[in-house]
Amino acid sequence: MAACGNPGPSGTPPDTGSGAAPGPRAAAPLTLAKKSGCLACHKVDGKLMGPAWTAVAERYRGDPDARNRLINKVKSGGAGNWTKVTGGMPMPPNYPRVSDEDITKLVDFVLALKK
């Protein structure tokens, strides 16, 4: 079983939670998310250990500082923002294991999702 920060076995396709194959625009970010270990705790449109990314996008839609706040949260980890969803389980820090550039790409992908 994969844990946060540890991608699952090679060759296992990411479970987006939707049952549908990701579109071409989602393929690269989902591959990056799998490589970075994000899919061990998150799905695009369903709760796993962490919140669904569509729920994250919805919560922060219209927040002008969302991008910077989420980049910092993904880098540093922490708890408190999604306690009802995670049961208090903190998000692990991802930097320096995941580069600044990749974290920014992943956050941009998540924020662009629609429910």
PDB file of N, CA and C in Angstrom:
ATOM      1  N   MET A   1       0.842  -1.191   0.000  1.00  0.00           N
ATOM      2  CA  MET A   1       0.000   0.000   0.000  1.00  0.00           C
ATOM      3  C   MET A   1       0.875   1.237   0.000  1.00  0.00           C
ATOM      4  N   ALA A   2       0.535   2.198  -0.809  1.00  0.00           N
ATOM      5  CA  ALA A   2       1.311   3.426  -0.889  1.00  0.00           C
ATOM      6  C   ALA A   2       0.930   4.346   0.263  1.00  0.00           C
ATOM      7  N   ALA A   3       1.913   5.060   0.767  1.00  0.00           N
ATOM      8  CA  ALA A   3       1.660   6.050   1.810  1.00  0.00           C
ATOM      9  C   ALA A   3       1.951   7.428   1.254  1.00  0.00           C
ATOM     10  N   CYS A   4       1.539   8.449   1.966  1.00  0.00           N
ATOM     11  CA  CYS A   4       1.782   9.810   1.487  1.00  0.00           C
ATOM     12  C   CYS A   4       3.261   9.989   1.187  1.00  0.00           C
ATOM     13  N   GLY A   5       3.541  10.546   0.041  1.00  0.00           N
ATOM     14  CA  GLY A   5       4.913  10.778  -0.358  1.00  0.00           C
ATOM     15  C   GLY A   5       5.561   9.576  -0.998  1.00  0.00           C
ATOM     16  N   ASN A   6       4.842   8.469  -1.142  1.00  0.00           N
ATOM     17  CA  ASN A   6       5.404   7.270  -1.739  1.00  0.00           C
ATOM     18  C   ASN A   6       4.462   6.781  -2.821  1.00  0.00           C
ATOM     19  N   PRO A   7       4.816   7.039  -4.092  1.00  0.00           N
ATOM     20  CA  PRO A   7       3.922   6.595  -5.152  1.00  0.00           C
ATOM     21  C   PRO A   7       3.749   5.087  -5.128  1.00  0.00           C
ATOM     22  N   GLY A   8       2.615   4.625  -5.580  1.00  0.00           N
ATOM     23  CA  GLY A   8       2.306   3.201  -5.604  1.00  0.00           C
ATOM     24  C   GLY A   8       3.198   2.455  -6.559  1.00  0.00           C
ATOM     25  N   PRO A   9       2.939   1.170  -6.732  1.00  0.00           N
ATOM     26  CA  PRO A   9       3.766   0.358  -7.607  1.00  0.00           C
ATOM     27  C   PRO A   9       3.777   0.908  -9.030  1.00  0.00           C
ATOM     28  N   SER A  10       4.908   0.750  -9.690  1.00  0.00           N
ATOM     29  CA  SER A  10       5.036   1.220 -11.069  1.00  0.00           C
ATOM     30  C   SER A  10       4.010   0.544 -11.946  1.00  0.00           C
ATOM     31  N   GLY A  11       3.497   1.303 -12.899  1.00  0.00           N
ATOM     32  CA  GLY A  11       2.553   0.747 -13.842  1.00  0.00           C
ATOM     33  C   GLY A  11       1.113   0.798 -13.379  1.00  0.00           C
ATOM     34  N   THR A  12       0.863   1.165 -12.123  1.00  0.00           N
ATOM     35  CA  THR A  12      -0.503   1.266 -11.643  1.00  0.00           C
ATOM     36  C   THR A  12      -1.066   2.603 -12.082  1.00  0.00           C
ATOM     37  N   PRO A  13      -2.161   2.613 -12.861  1.00  0.00           N
ATOM     38  CA  PRO A  13      -2.699   3.893 -13.311  1.00  0.00           C
ATOM     39  C   PRO A  13      -3.282   4.674 -12.146  1.00  0.00           C
ATOM     40  N   PRO A  14      -3.198   5.990 -12.179  1.00  0.00           N
ATOM     41  CA  PRO A  14      -3.751   6.778 -11.088  1.00  0.00           C
ATOM     42  C   PRO A  14      -5.265   6.656 -11.053  1.00  0.00           C
ATOM     43  N   ASP A  15      -5.812   6.542  -9.850  1.00  0.00           N
ATOM     44  CA  ASP A  15      -7.262   6.495  -9.681  1.00  0.00           C
ATOM     45  C   ASP A  15      -7.747   7.918  -9.508  1.00  0.00           C
ATOM     46  N   THR A  16      -8.403   8.447 -10.515  1.00  0.00           N
ATOM     47  CA  THR A  16      -8.885   9.818 -10.445  1.00  0.00           C
ATOM     48  C   THR A  16     -10.193   9.903  -9.692  1.00  0.00           C
ATOM     49  N   GLY A  17     -10.793   8.770  -9.408  1.00  0.00           N
ATOM     50  CA  GLY A  17     -12.043   8.755  -8.676  1.00  0.00           C
ATOM     51  C   GLY A  17     -13.249   8.927  -9.570  1.00  0.00           C
ATOM     52  N   SER A  18     -13.052   9.250 -10.827  1.00  0.00           N
ATOM     53  CA  SER A  18     -14.180   9.524 -11.701  1.00  0.00           C
ATOM     54  C   SER A  18     -14.593   8.314 -12.509  1.00  0.00           C
ATOM     55  N   GLY A  19     -13.733   7.316 -12.599  1.00  0.00           N
ATOM     56  CA  GLY A  19     -14.023   6.152 -13.408  1.00  0.00           C
ATOM     57  C   GLY A  19     -13.763   6.388 -14.878  1.00  0.00           C
ATOM     58  N   ALA A  20     -13.511   7.615 -15.264  1.00  0.00           N
ATOM     59  CA  ALA A  20     -13.245   7.947 -16.662  1.00  0.00           C
ATOM     60  C   ALA A  20     -11.761   8.200 -16.849  1.00  0.00           C
ATOM     61  N   ALA A  21     -11.276   7.903 -18.030  1.00  0.00           N
ATOM     62  CA  ALA A  21      -9.874   8.175 -18.326  1.00  0.00           C
ATOM     63  C   ALA A  21      -9.660   9.679 -18.341  1.00  0.00           C
ATOM     64  N   PRO A  22      -8.521  10.152 -17.802  1.00  0.00           N
ATOM     65  CA  PRO A  22      -8.275  11.587 -17.810  1.00  0.00           C
ATOM     66  C   PRO A  22      -8.119  12.093 -19.235  1.00  0.00           C
ATOM     67  N   GLY A  23      -8.587  13.304 -19.475  1.00  0.00           N
ATOM     68  CA  GLY A  23      -8.426  13.918 -20.790  1.00  0.00           C
ATOM     69  C   GLY A  23      -6.976  14.265 -21.029  1.00  0.00           C
ATOM     70  N   PRO A  24      -6.636  14.637 -22.256  1.00  0.00           N
ATOM     71  CA  PRO A  24      -5.245  14.940 -22.584  1.00  0.00           C
ATOM     72  C   PRO A  24      -4.657  16.054 -21.728  1.00  0.00           C
ATOM     73  N   ARG A  25      -5.459  17.042 -21.355  1.00  0.00           N
ATOM     74  CA  ARG A  25      -4.954  18.150 -20.537  1.00  0.00           C
ATOM     75  C   ARG A  25      -4.641  17.693 -19.122  1.00  0.00           C
ATOM     76  N   ALA A  26      -5.315  16.650 -18.633  1.00  0.00           N
ATOM     77  CA  ALA A  26      -5.100  16.164 -17.276  1.00  0.00           C
ATOM     78  C   ALA A  26      -4.017  15.104 -17.206  1.00  0.00           C
ATOM     79  N   ALA A  27      -3.659  14.498 -18.322  1.00  0.00           N
ATOM     80  CA  ALA A  27      -2.718  13.377 -18.304  1.00  0.00           C
ATOM     81  C   ALA A  27      -1.366  13.765 -17.718  1.00  0.00           C
ATOM     82  N   ALA A  28      -0.768  14.858 -18.156  1.00  0.00           N
ATOM     83  CA  ALA A  28       0.554  15.254 -17.657  1.00  0.00           C
ATOM     84  C   ALA A  28       0.516  15.594 -16.167  1.00  0.00           C
ATOM     85  N   PRO A  29      -0.442  16.413 -15.691  1.00  0.00           N
ATOM     86  CA  PRO A  29      -0.482  16.683 -14.253  1.00  0.00           C
ATOM     87  C   PRO A  29      -0.751  15.433 -13.418  1.00  0.00           C
ATOM     88  N   LEU A  30      -1.588  14.523 -13.909  1.00  0.00           N
ATOM     89  CA  LEU A  30      -1.851  13.301 -13.148  1.00  0.00           C
ATOM     90  C   LEU A  30      -0.628  12.395 -13.108  1.00  0.00           C
ATOM     91  N   THR A  31       0.138  12.370 -14.180  1.00  0.00           N
ATOM     92  CA  THR A  31       1.390  11.610 -14.179  1.00  0.00           C
ATOM     93  C   THR A  31       2.357  12.211 -13.166  1.00  0.00           C
ATOM     94  N   LEU A  32       2.454  13.543 -13.149  1.00  0.00           N
ATOM     95  CA  LEU A  32       3.308  14.231 -12.183  1.00  0.00           C
ATOM     96  C   LEU A  32       2.813  13.972 -10.756  1.00  0.00           C
ATOM     97  N   ALA A  33       1.509  14.002 -10.548  1.00  0.00           N
ATOM     98  CA  ALA A  33       0.945  13.747  -9.221  1.00  0.00           C
ATOM     99  C   ALA A  33       1.262  12.332  -8.751  1.00  0.00           C
ATOM    100  N   LYS A  34       1.175  11.377  -9.661  1.00  0.00           N
ATOM    101  CA  LYS A  34       1.503   9.993  -9.309  1.00  0.00           C
ATOM    102  C   LYS A  34       2.981   9.878  -8.953  1.00  0.00           C
ATOM    103  N   LYS A  35       3.848  10.450  -9.795  1.00  0.00           N
ATOM    104  CA  LYS A  35       5.296  10.398  -9.569  1.00  0.00           C
ATOM    105  C   LYS A  35       5.664  11.059  -8.238  1.00  0.00           C
ATOM    106  N   SER A  36       4.944  12.116  -7.877  1.00  0.00           N
ATOM    107  CA  SER A  36       5.242  12.876  -6.663  1.00  0.00           C
ATOM    108  C   SER A  36       4.625  12.267  -5.406  1.00  0.00           C
ATOM    109  N   GLY A  37       3.781  11.258  -5.560  1.00  0.00           N
ATOM    110  CA  GLY A  37       3.174  10.594  -4.414  1.00  0.00           C
ATOM    111  C   GLY A  37       1.845  11.181  -3.973  1.00  0.00           C
ATOM    112  N   CYS A  38       1.337  12.180  -4.680  1.00  0.00           N
ATOM    113  CA  CYS A  38       0.090  12.851  -4.286  1.00  0.00           C
ATOM    114  C   CYS A  38      -1.113  11.908  -4.309  1.00  0.00           C
ATOM    115  N   LEU A  39      -1.116  10.984  -5.267  1.00  0.00           N
ATOM    116  CA  LEU A  39      -2.278  10.110  -5.448  1.00  0.00           C
ATOM    117  C   LEU A  39      -2.371   9.020  -4.386  1.00  0.00           C
ATOM    118  N   ALA A  40      -1.389   8.968  -3.491  1.00  0.00           N
ATOM    119  CA  ALA A  40      -1.496   8.058  -2.355  1.00  0.00           C
ATOM    120  C   ALA A  40      -2.530   8.576  -1.354  1.00  0.00           C
ATOM    121  N   CYS A  41      -2.762   9.892  -1.355  1.00  0.00           N
ATOM    122  CA  CYS A  41      -3.685  10.504  -0.393  1.00  0.00           C
ATOM    123  C   CYS A  41      -4.831  11.277  -1.030  1.00  0.00           C
ATOM    124  N   HIS A  42      -4.721  11.628  -2.300  1.00  0.00           N
ATOM    125  CA  HIS A  42      -5.728  12.460  -2.967  1.00  0.00           C
ATOM    126  C   HIS A  42      -6.248  11.811  -4.235  1.00  0.00           C
ATOM    127  N   LYS A  43      -7.490  12.152  -4.573  1.00  0.00           N
ATOM    128  CA  LYS A  43      -8.085  11.828  -5.868  1.00  0.00           C
ATOM    129  C   LYS A  43      -8.641  13.126  -6.434  1.00  0.00           C
ATOM    130  N   VAL A  44      -8.896  13.137  -7.726  1.00  0.00           N
ATOM    131  CA  VAL A  44      -9.425  14.342  -8.343  1.00  0.00           C
ATOM    132  C   VAL A  44     -10.800  14.669  -7.783  1.00  0.00           C
ATOM    133  N   ASP A  45     -11.703  13.710  -7.783  1.00  0.00           N
ATOM    134  CA  ASP A  45     -13.075  14.038  -7.392  1.00  0.00           C
ATOM    135  C   ASP A  45     -13.662  13.110  -6.337  1.00  0.00           C
ATOM    136  N   GLY A  46     -12.832  12.639  -5.455  1.00  0.00           N
ATOM    137  CA  GLY A  46     -13.314  11.826  -4.347  1.00  0.00           C
ATOM    138  C   GLY A  46     -12.328  11.872  -3.199  1.00  0.00           C
ATOM    139  N   LYS A  47     -12.833  11.802  -1.977  1.00  0.00           N
ATOM    140  CA  LYS A  47     -11.968  11.820  -0.801  1.00  0.00           C
ATOM    141  C   LYS A  47     -11.213  10.500  -0.708  1.00  0.00           C
ATOM    142  N   LEU A  48      -9.967  10.577  -0.369  1.00  0.00           N
ATOM    143  CA  LEU A  48      -9.171   9.404  -0.035  1.00  0.00           C
ATOM    144  C   LEU A  48      -8.745   9.659   1.409  1.00  0.00           C
ATOM    145  N   MET A  49      -7.467   9.860   1.682  1.00  0.00           N
ATOM    146  CA  MET A  49      -7.045  10.326   3.004  1.00  0.00           C
ATOM    147  C   MET A  49      -7.187  11.833   3.083  1.00  0.00           C
ATOM    148  N   GLY A  50      -6.830  12.491   1.988  1.00  0.00           N
ATOM    149  CA  GLY A  50      -6.941  13.947   1.906  1.00  0.00           C
ATOM    150  C   GLY A  50      -8.172  14.337   1.113  1.00  0.00           C
ATOM    151  N   PRO A  51      -8.443  15.628   1.041  1.00  0.00           N
ATOM    152  CA  PRO A  51      -9.637  16.082   0.324  1.00  0.00           C
ATOM    153  C   PRO A  51      -9.532  15.864  -1.178  1.00  0.00           C
ATOM    154  N   ALA A  52     -10.681  15.748  -1.824  1.00  0.00           N
ATOM    155  CA  ALA A  52     -10.729  15.683  -3.290  1.00  0.00           C
ATOM    156  C   ALA A  52     -10.199  17.000  -3.834  1.00  0.00           C
ATOM    157  N   TRP A  53      -9.474  16.918  -4.918  1.00  0.00           N
ATOM    158  CA  TRP A  53      -8.928  18.153  -5.493  1.00  0.00           C
ATOM    159  C   TRP A  53     -10.022  19.062  -6.027  1.00  0.00           C
ATOM    160  N   THR A  54     -11.139  18.502  -6.471  1.00  0.00           N
ATOM    161  CA  THR A  54     -12.240  19.367  -6.902  1.00  0.00           C
ATOM    162  C   THR A  54     -12.784  20.155  -5.711  1.00  0.00           C
ATOM    163  N   ALA A  55     -12.789  19.560  -4.521  1.00  0.00           N
ATOM    164  CA  ALA A  55     -13.233  20.267  -3.316  1.00  0.00           C
ATOM    165  C   ALA A  55     -12.249  21.377  -2.952  1.00  0.00           C
ATOM    166  N   VAL A  56     -10.967  21.120  -3.125  1.00  0.00           N
ATOM    167  CA  VAL A  56      -9.952  22.148  -2.869  1.00  0.00           C
ATOM    168  C   VAL A  56     -10.163  23.320  -3.826  1.00  0.00           C
ATOM    169  N   ALA A  57     -10.341  23.010  -5.102  1.00  0.00           N
ATOM    170  CA  ALA A  57     -10.552  24.064  -6.106  1.00  0.00           C
ATOM    171  C   ALA A  57     -11.794  24.880  -5.770  1.00  0.00           C
ATOM    172  N   GLU A  58     -12.857  24.211  -5.360  1.00  0.00           N
ATOM    173  CA  GLU A  58     -14.102  24.904  -5.023  1.00  0.00           C
ATOM    174  C   GLU A  58     -13.921  25.803  -3.801  1.00  0.00           C
ATOM    175  N   ARG A  59     -13.252  25.288  -2.772  1.00  0.00           N
ATOM    176  CA  ARG A  59     -13.059  26.072  -1.546  1.00  0.00           C
ATOM    177  C   ARG A  59     -12.275  27.351  -1.822  1.00  0.00           C
ATOM    178  N   TYR A  60     -11.284  27.286  -2.680  1.00  0.00           N
ATOM    179  CA  TYR A  60     -10.399  28.433  -2.887  1.00  0.00           C
ATOM    180  C   TYR A  60     -10.744  29.270  -4.112  1.00  0.00           C
ATOM    181  N   ARG A  61     -11.788  28.894  -4.846  1.00  0.00           N
ATOM    182  CA  ARG A  61     -12.198  29.667  -6.022  1.00  0.00           C
ATOM    183  C   ARG A  61     -12.523  31.102  -5.597  1.00  0.00           C
ATOM    184  N   GLY A  62     -11.959  32.072  -6.288  1.00  0.00           N
ATOM    185  CA  GLY A  62     -12.208  33.474  -5.971  1.00  0.00           C
ATOM    186  C   GLY A  62     -11.275  34.043  -4.919  1.00  0.00           C
ATOM    187  N   ASP A  63     -10.428  33.218  -4.315  1.00  0.00           N
ATOM    188  CA  ASP A  63      -9.469  33.689  -3.313  1.00  0.00           C
ATOM    189  C   ASP A  63      -8.206  34.130  -4.043  1.00  0.00           C
ATOM    190  N   PRO A  64      -7.899  35.432  -4.059  1.00  0.00           N
ATOM    191  CA  PRO A  64      -6.751  35.916  -4.826  1.00  0.00           C
ATOM    192  C   PRO A  64      -5.403  35.400  -4.314  1.00  0.00           C
ATOM    193  N   ASP A  65      -5.341  34.946  -3.068  1.00  0.00           N
ATOM    194  CA  ASP A  65      -4.080  34.451  -2.510  1.00  0.00           C
ATOM    195  C   ASP A  65      -4.018  32.926  -2.476  1.00  0.00           C
ATOM    196  N   ALA A  66      -5.015  32.263  -3.058  1.00  0.00           N
ATOM    197  CA  ALA A  66      -5.096  30.801  -2.980  1.00  0.00           C
ATOM    198  C   ALA A  66      -3.849  30.123  -3.524  1.00  0.00           C
ATOM    199  N   ARG A  67      -3.373  30.569  -4.664  1.00  0.00           N
ATOM    200  CA  ARG A  67      -2.217  29.913  -5.291  1.00  0.00           C
ATOM    201  C   ARG A  67      -1.018  29.915  -4.348  1.00  0.00           C
ATOM    202  N   ASN A  68      -0.678  31.082  -3.794  1.00  0.00           N
ATOM    203  CA  ASN A  68       0.472  31.169  -2.892  1.00  0.00           C
ATOM    204  C   ASN A  68       0.250  30.357  -1.624  1.00  0.00           C
ATOM    205  N   ARG A  69      -0.951  30.424  -1.064  1.00  0.00           N
ATOM    206  CA  ARG A  69      -1.233  29.675   0.163  1.00  0.00           C
ATOM    207  C   ARG A  69      -1.115  28.175  -0.066  1.00  0.00           C
ATOM    208  N   LEU A  70      -1.656  27.692  -1.193  1.00  0.00           N
ATOM    209  CA  LEU A  70      -1.593  26.253  -1.462  1.00  0.00           C
ATOM    210  C   LEU A  70      -0.179  25.796  -1.795  1.00  0.00           C
ATOM    211  N   ILE A  71       0.571  26.603  -2.525  1.00  0.00           N
ATOM    212  CA  ILE A  71       1.972  26.256  -2.795  1.00  0.00           C
ATOM    213  C   ILE A  71       2.718  26.095  -1.476  1.00  0.00           C
ATOM    214  N   ASN A  72       2.531  27.033  -0.551  1.00  0.00           N
ATOM    215  CA  ASN A  72       3.203  26.941   0.749  1.00  0.00           C
ATOM    216  C   ASN A  72       2.730  25.734   1.547  1.00  0.00           C
ATOM    217  N   LYS A  73       1.434  25.405   1.476  1.00  0.00           N
ATOM    218  CA  LYS A  73       0.910  24.247   2.215  1.00  0.00           C
ATOM    219  C   LYS A  73       1.473  22.944   1.654  1.00  0.00           C
ATOM    220  N   VAL A  74       1.541  22.842   0.327  1.00  0.00           N
ATOM    221  CA  VAL A  74       2.086  21.629  -0.287  1.00  0.00           C
ATOM    222  C   VAL A  74       3.567  21.492   0.064  1.00  0.00           C
ATOM    223  N   LYS A  75       4.304  22.595   0.061  1.00  0.00           N
ATOM    224  CA  LYS A  75       5.731  22.553   0.412  1.00  0.00           C
ATOM    225  C   LYS A  75       5.936  22.144   1.866  1.00  0.00           C
ATOM    226  N   SER A  76       5.244  22.827   2.779  1.00  0.00           N
ATOM    227  CA  SER A  76       5.512  22.683   4.208  1.00  0.00           C
ATOM    228  C   SER A  76       4.658  21.640   4.906  1.00  0.00           C
ATOM    229  N   GLY A  77       3.525  21.292   4.316  1.00  0.00           N
ATOM    230  CA  GLY A  77       2.614  20.363   4.968  1.00  0.00           C
ATOM    231  C   GLY A  77       1.868  21.041   6.102  1.00  0.00           C
ATOM    232  N   GLY A  78       1.186  20.250   6.900  1.00  0.00           N
ATOM    233  CA  GLY A  78       0.476  20.787   8.048  1.00  0.00           C
ATOM    234  C   GLY A  78      -0.947  20.275   8.123  1.00  0.00           C
ATOM    235  N   ALA A  79      -1.631  20.689   9.172  1.00  0.00           N
ATOM    236  CA  ALA A  79      -3.007  20.252   9.419  1.00  0.00           C
ATOM    237  C   ALA A  79      -3.864  21.459   9.747  1.00  0.00           C
ATOM    238  N   GLY A  80      -5.154  21.218   9.834  1.00  0.00           N
ATOM    239  CA  GLY A  80      -6.053  22.254  10.300  1.00  0.00           C
ATOM    240  C   GLY A  80      -7.010  22.787   9.270  1.00  0.00           C
ATOM    241  N   ASN A  81      -6.678  22.722   7.998  1.00  0.00           N
ATOM    242  CA  ASN A  81      -7.545  23.282   6.966  1.00  0.00           C
ATOM    243  C   ASN A  81      -8.667  22.338   6.558  1.00  0.00           C
ATOM    244  N   TRP A  82      -8.447  21.044   6.682  1.00  0.00           N
ATOM    245  CA  TRP A  82      -9.421  20.040   6.226  1.00  0.00           C
ATOM    246  C   TRP A  82      -9.663  18.999   7.314  1.00  0.00           C
ATOM    247  N   THR A  83      -9.666  19.403   8.569  1.00  0.00           N
ATOM    248  CA  THR A  83      -9.764  18.478   9.698  1.00  0.00           C
ATOM    249  C   THR A  83     -10.990  17.571   9.612  1.00  0.00           C
ATOM    250  N   LYS A  84     -12.137  18.101   9.181  1.00  0.00           N
ATOM    251  CA  LYS A  84     -13.345  17.266   9.095  1.00  0.00           C
ATOM    252  C   LYS A  84     -13.191  16.173   8.044  1.00  0.00           C
ATOM    253  N   VAL A  85     -12.406  16.431   7.026  1.00  0.00           N
ATOM    254  CA  VAL A  85     -12.196  15.457   5.950  1.00  0.00           C
ATOM    255  C   VAL A  85     -11.111  14.456   6.332  1.00  0.00           C
ATOM    256  N   THR A  86     -10.025  14.947   6.919  1.00  0.00           N
ATOM    257  CA  THR A  86      -8.860  14.103   7.175  1.00  0.00           C
ATOM    258  C   THR A  86      -8.842  13.481   8.562  1.00  0.00           C
ATOM    259  N   GLY A  87      -9.738  13.908   9.426  1.00  0.00           N
ATOM    260  CA  GLY A  87      -9.710  13.414  10.796  1.00  0.00           C
ATOM    261  C   GLY A  87      -8.514  13.937  11.564  1.00  0.00           C
ATOM    262  N   GLY A  88      -7.935  15.027  11.100  1.00  0.00           N
ATOM    263  CA  GLY A  88      -6.785  15.628  11.765  1.00  0.00           C
ATOM    264  C   GLY A  88      -5.445  15.150  11.240  1.00  0.00           C
ATOM    265  N   MET A  89      -5.450  14.216  10.289  1.00  0.00           N
ATOM    266  CA  MET A  89      -4.192  13.738   9.722  1.00  0.00           C
ATOM    267  C   MET A  89      -3.526  14.878   8.940  1.00  0.00           C
ATOM    268  N   PRO A  90      -2.288  15.223   9.291  1.00  0.00           N
ATOM    269  CA  PRO A  90      -1.625  16.322   8.588  1.00  0.00           C
ATOM    270  C   PRO A  90      -1.131  15.909   7.203  1.00  0.00           C
ATOM    271  N   MET A  91      -1.026  16.898   6.346  1.00  0.00           N
ATOM    272  CA  MET A  91      -0.394  16.680   5.045  1.00  0.00           C
ATOM    273  C   MET A  91       1.113  16.721   5.275  1.00  0.00           C
ATOM    274  N   PRO A  92       1.851  15.752   4.744  1.00  0.00           N
ATOM    275  CA  PRO A  92       3.302  15.764   4.948  1.00  0.00           C
ATOM    276  C   PRO A  92       3.953  16.853   4.100  1.00  0.00           C
ATOM    277  N   PRO A  93       5.110  17.351   4.546  1.00  0.00           N
ATOM    278  CA  PRO A  93       5.834  18.313   3.707  1.00  0.00           C
ATOM    279  C   PRO A  93       6.330  17.613   2.443  1.00  0.00           C
ATOM    280  N   ASN A  94       6.325  18.312   1.341  1.00  0.00           N
ATOM    281  CA  ASN A  94       6.729  17.724   0.065  1.00  0.00           C
ATOM    282  C   ASN A  94       7.997  18.322  -0.515  1.00  0.00           C
ATOM    283  N   TYR A  95       8.467  19.432   0.053  1.00  0.00           N
ATOM    284  CA  TYR A  95       9.677  20.072  -0.444  1.00  0.00           C
ATOM    285  C   TYR A  95      10.814  19.704   0.487  1.00  0.00           C
ATOM    286  N   PRO A  96      11.971  19.347   0.030  1.00  0.00           N
ATOM    287  CA  PRO A  96      12.540  19.449  -1.314  1.00  0.00           C
ATOM    288  C   PRO A  96      12.351  18.201  -2.177  1.00  0.00           C
ATOM    289  N   ARG A  97      11.650  17.181  -1.665  1.00  0.00           N
ATOM    290  CA  ARG A  97      11.453  15.958  -2.458  1.00  0.00           C
ATOM    291  C   ARG A  97      10.755  16.258  -3.780  1.00  0.00           C
ATOM    292  N   VAL A  98       9.800  17.186  -3.764  1.00  0.00           N
ATOM    293  CA  VAL A  98       9.118  17.639  -4.977  1.00  0.00           C
ATOM    294  C   VAL A  98       9.593  19.069  -5.228  1.00  0.00           C
ATOM    295  N   SER A  99      10.019  19.350  -6.437  1.00  0.00           N
ATOM    296  CA  SER A  99      10.597  20.665  -6.752  1.00  0.00           C
ATOM    297  C   SER A  99       9.559  21.780  -6.692  1.00  0.00           C
ATOM    298  N   ASP A 100      10.050  23.014  -6.527  1.00  0.00           N
ATOM    299  CA  ASP A 100       9.174  24.190  -6.566  1.00  0.00           C
ATOM    300  C   ASP A 100       8.365  24.218  -7.857  1.00  0.00           C
ATOM    301  N   GLU A 101       9.028  23.945  -8.968  1.00  0.00           N
ATOM    302  CA  GLU A 101       8.366  23.978 -10.277  1.00  0.00           C
ATOM    303  C   GLU A 101       7.228  22.953 -10.342  1.00  0.00           C
ATOM    304  N   ASP A 102       7.482  21.742  -9.866  1.00  0.00           N
ATOM    305  CA  ASP A 102       6.448  20.704  -9.912  1.00  0.00           C
ATOM    306  C   ASP A 102       5.300  21.009  -8.949  1.00  0.00           C
ATOM    307  N   ILE A 103       5.613  21.541  -7.775  1.00  0.00           N
ATOM    308  CA  ILE A 103       4.562  21.920  -6.826  1.00  0.00           C
ATOM    309  C   ILE A 103       3.666  22.987  -7.447  1.00  0.00           C
ATOM    310  N   THR A 104       4.262  23.964  -8.101  1.00  0.00           N
ATOM    311  CA  THR A 104       3.484  25.022  -8.749  1.00  0.00           C
ATOM    312  C   THR A 104       2.596  24.452  -9.849  1.00  0.00           C
ATOM    313  N   LYS A 105       3.119  23.540 -10.655  1.00  0.00           N
ATOM    314  CA  LYS A 105       2.310  22.904 -11.708  1.00  0.00           C
ATOM    315  C   LYS A 105       1.123  22.155 -11.112  1.00  0.00           C
ATOM    316  N   LEU A 106       1.359  21.431 -10.030  1.00  0.00           N
ATOM    317  CA  LEU A 106       0.287  20.657  -9.402  1.00  0.00           C
ATOM    318  C   LEU A 106      -0.783  21.565  -8.794  1.00  0.00           C
ATOM    319  N   VAL A 107      -0.361  22.625  -8.124  1.00  0.00           N
ATOM    320  CA  VAL A 107      -1.321  23.565  -7.537  1.00  0.00           C
ATOM    321  C   VAL A 107      -2.142  24.234  -8.634  1.00  0.00           C
ATOM    322  N   ASP A 108      -1.500  24.636  -9.714  1.00  0.00           N
ATOM    323  CA  ASP A 108      -2.232  25.257 -10.828  1.00  0.00           C
ATOM    324  C   ASP A 108      -3.262  24.287 -11.411  1.00  0.00           C
ATOM    325  N   PHE A 109      -2.891  23.024 -11.534  1.00  0.00           N
ATOM    326  CA  PHE A 109      -3.820  22.000 -12.030  1.00  0.00           C
ATOM    327  C   PHE A 109      -5.027  21.875 -11.101  1.00  0.00           C
ATOM    328  N   VAL A 110      -4.764  21.767  -9.805  1.00  0.00           N
ATOM    329  CA  VAL A 110      -5.849  21.603  -8.834  1.00  0.00           C
ATOM    330  C   VAL A 110      -6.780  22.814  -8.858  1.00  0.00           C
ATOM    331  N   LEU A 111      -6.218  24.011  -8.854  1.00  0.00           N
ATOM    332  CA  LEU A 111      -7.055  25.213  -8.825  1.00  0.00           C
ATOM    333  C   LEU A 111      -7.882  25.387 -10.094  1.00  0.00           C
ATOM    334  N   ALA A 112      -7.451  24.793 -11.188  1.00  0.00           N
ATOM    335  CA  ALA A 112      -8.186  24.911 -12.455  1.00  0.00           C
ATOM    336  C   ALA A 112      -9.334  23.903 -12.572  1.00  0.00           C
ATOM    337  N   LEU A 113      -9.419  22.956 -11.639  1.00  0.00           N
ATOM    338  CA  LEU A 113     -10.464  21.933 -11.712  1.00  0.00           C
ATOM    339  C   LEU A 113     -11.837  22.528 -11.440  1.00  0.00           C
ATOM    340  N   LYS A 114     -12.822  21.955 -12.083  1.00  0.00           N
ATOM    341  CA  LYS A 114     -14.213  22.345 -11.856  1.00  0.00           C
ATOM    342  C   LYS A 114     -14.960  21.130 -11.339  1.00  0.00           C
ATOM    343  N   LYS A 115     -15.948  21.362 -10.514  1.00  0.00           N
ATOM    344  CA  LYS A 115     -16.726  20.274  -9.929  1.00  0.00           C
ATOM    345  C   LYS A 115     -17.619  19.623 -10.935  1.00  0.00           C
TER     346      LYS A 115
END
